[in-house]
C-alpha atoms as a PDB file:
ATOM      1  CA  MET A   1      23.882-175.627 -82.932  1.00  0.00           C
ATOM      2  CA  SER A   2      22.738-176.647 -79.492  1.00  0.00           C
ATOM      3  CA  GLY A   3      26.025-178.486 -78.850  1.00  0.00           C
ATOM      4  CA  ALA A   4      28.188-175.416 -79.531  1.00  0.00           C
ATOM      5  CA  GLU A   5      30.309-174.175 -76.675  1.00  0.00           C
ATOM      6  CA  LYS A   6      29.115-170.901 -75.163  1.00  0.00           C
ATOM      7  CA  TRP A   7      31.431-167.885 -75.370  1.00  0.00           C
ATOM      8  CA  LEU A   8      32.086-166.329 -71.970  1.00  0.00           C
ATOM      9  CA  SER A   9      32.627-162.677 -71.038  1.00  0.00           C
ATOM     10  CA  VAL A  10      35.425-161.354 -68.817  1.00  0.00           C
ATOM     11  CA  GLU A  11      33.115-161.549 -65.806  1.00  0.00           C
ATOM     12  CA  GLU A  12      32.003-165.081 -66.638  1.00  0.00           C
ATOM     13  CA  ILE A  13      35.516-166.438 -67.253  1.00  0.00           C
ATOM     14  CA  ALA A  14      36.697-164.825 -63.998  1.00  0.00           C
ATOM     15  CA  ASP A  15      33.835-166.563 -62.181  1.00  0.00           C
ATOM     16  CA  HIS A  16      34.590-169.829 -64.018  1.00  0.00           C
ATOM     17  CA  LEU A  17      38.213-169.679 -62.790  1.00  0.00           C
ATOM     18  CA  GLY A  18      37.402-168.286 -59.358  1.00  0.00           C
ATOM     19  CA  ILE A  19      39.560-165.193 -59.859  1.00  0.00           C
ATOM     20  CA  SER A  20      38.981-161.455 -60.083  1.00  0.00           C
ATOM     21  CA  LYS A  21      38.157-159.586 -63.285  1.00  0.00           C
ATOM     22  CA  GLU A  22      41.294-157.534 -62.658  1.00  0.00           C
ATOM     23  CA  THR A  23      43.440-160.665 -62.993  1.00  0.00           C
ATOM     24  CA  VAL A  24      41.754-161.502 -66.309  1.00  0.00           C
ATOM     25  CA  TYR A  25      42.377-157.961 -67.585  1.00  0.00           C
ATOM     26  CA  ARG A  26      46.029-158.154 -66.448  1.00  0.00           C
ATOM     27  CA  TRP A  27      46.457-161.414 -68.374  1.00  0.00           C
ATOM     28  CA  LEU A  28      44.795-159.811 -71.416  1.00  0.00           C
ATOM     29  CA  GLU A  29      47.191-156.850 -71.271  1.00  0.00           C
ATOM     30  CA  LYS A  30      50.129-159.259 -71.226  1.00  0.00           C
ATOM     31  CA  GLY A  31      48.658-161.412 -74.009  1.00  0.00           C
ATOM     32  CA  LYS A  32      48.755-164.483 -71.784  1.00  0.00           C
ATOM     33  CA  ILE A  33      45.193-165.823 -71.692  1.00  0.00           C
ATOM     34  CA  PRO A  34      43.583-167.312 -74.815  1.00  0.00           C
ATOM     35  CA  ALA A  35      40.917-164.796 -75.828  1.00  0.00           C
ATOM     36  CA  HIS A  36      39.084-163.493 -78.876  1.00  0.00           C
ATOM     37  CA  ARG A  37      38.152-159.872 -79.546  1.00  0.00           C
ATOM     38  CA  VAL A  38      34.560-159.399 -80.740  1.00  0.00           C
ATOM     39  CA  GLY A  39      34.122-155.711 -81.442  1.00  0.00           C
ATOM     40  CA  LYS A  40      35.067-153.988 -78.189  1.00  0.00           C
ATOM     41  CA  LEU A  41      34.436-157.094 -76.082  1.00  0.00           C
ATOM     42  CA  TRP A  42      36.734-159.929 -75.062  1.00  0.00           C
ATOM     43  CA  LYS A  43      35.246-163.425 -75.330  1.00  0.00           C
ATOM     44  CA  PHE A  44      36.611-166.726 -74.097  1.00  0.00           C
ATOM     45  CA  ARG A  45      36.007-170.386 -74.890  1.00  0.00           C
ATOM     46  CA  PRO A  46      36.025-172.226 -71.553  1.00  0.00           C
ATOM     47  CA  SER A  47      37.699-175.282 -73.119  1.00  0.00           C
ATOM     48  CA  GLU A  48      40.633-173.171 -74.414  1.00  0.00           C
ATOM     49  CA  VAL A  49      41.083-171.431 -71.063  1.00  0.00           C
ATOM     50  CA  ASP A  50      40.799-174.722 -69.136  1.00  0.00           C
ATOM     51  CA  GLU A  51      43.477-176.292 -71.358  1.00  0.00           C
ATOM     52  CA  TRP A  52      45.684-173.215 -70.859  1.00  0.00           C
ATOM     53  CA  VAL A  53      45.340-173.564 -67.070  1.00  0.00           C
ATOM     54  CA  VAL A  54      45.917-177.351 -67.066  1.00  0.00           C
ATOM     55  CA  ASN A  55      49.073-176.868 -69.174  1.00  0.00           C
ATOM     56  CA  GLY A  56      50.431-174.598 -66.453  1.00  0.00           C
ATOM     57  CA  GLU A  57      50.415-171.456 -68.554  1.00  0.00           C
ATOM     58  CA  ALA A  58      48.435-169.488 -65.957  1.00  0.00           C
ATOM     59  CA  GLY A  59      51.544-169.991 -63.823  1.00  0.00           C
ATOM     60  CA  GLU A  60      53.438-168.182 -61.192  1.00  0.00           C
ATOM     61  CA  GLU A  61      54.699-165.156 -63.131  1.00  0.00           C
ATOM     62  CA  ASP A  62      51.907-162.885 -61.908  1.00  0.00           C
ATOM     63  CA  LYS A  63      52.842-163.346 -58.267  1.00  0.00           C
ATOM     64  CA  PRO A  64      54.814-160.411 -56.919  1.00  0.00           C
ATOM     65  CA  GLN A  65      58.488-161.209 -56.745  1.00  0.00           C
ATOM     66  CA  PRO A  66      59.968-161.107 -53.248  1.00  0.00           C
ATOM     67  CA  LYS A  67      62.004-157.984 -52.661  1.00  0.00           C
ATOM     68  CA  LYS A  68      65.705-158.556 -52.489  1.00  0.00           C
ATOM     69  CA  LYS A  69      67.256-157.583 -49.202  1.00  0.00           C
ATOM     70  CA  LYS A  70      69.988-155.022 -49.464  1.00  0.00           C
ATOM     71  CA  LEU A  71      73.147-155.969 -47.670  1.00  0.00           C
ATOM     72  CA  PRO A  72      74.781-153.229 -45.641  1.00  0.00           C
ATOM     73  CA  LYS A  73      77.641-151.561 -47.436  1.00  0.00           C
ATOM     74  CA  ARG A  74      80.993-152.166 -45.851  1.00  0.00           C
ATOM     75  CA  GLY A  75      84.049-150.051 -46.420  1.00  0.00           C
ATOM     76  CA  LEU A  76      87.276-151.540 -47.593  1.00  0.00           C
ATOM     77  CA  GLN A  77      89.178-153.137 -44.794  1.00  0.00           C
ATOM     78  CA  HIS A  78      92.943-152.847 -44.757  1.00  0.00           C
ATOM     79  CA  ASP A  79      95.262-155.097 -42.764  1.00  0.00           C
END
């Protein structure tokens, strides 16, 4: 099976994508990234992860949302 795709570890898939391991673990916690559990280890097929990224599923949701500015409270104004 020399043509079989190699399974990658968390560290390897992070390196493959150019991201931190922490981001991979965050995606795993949220069930976002395509992954397979092998015993206690997470394994990834690069082709599945690449397709997931190309389809836009690695998207923007993980970016911190901008904080909403609070408007000053104003009392009721009477004429």
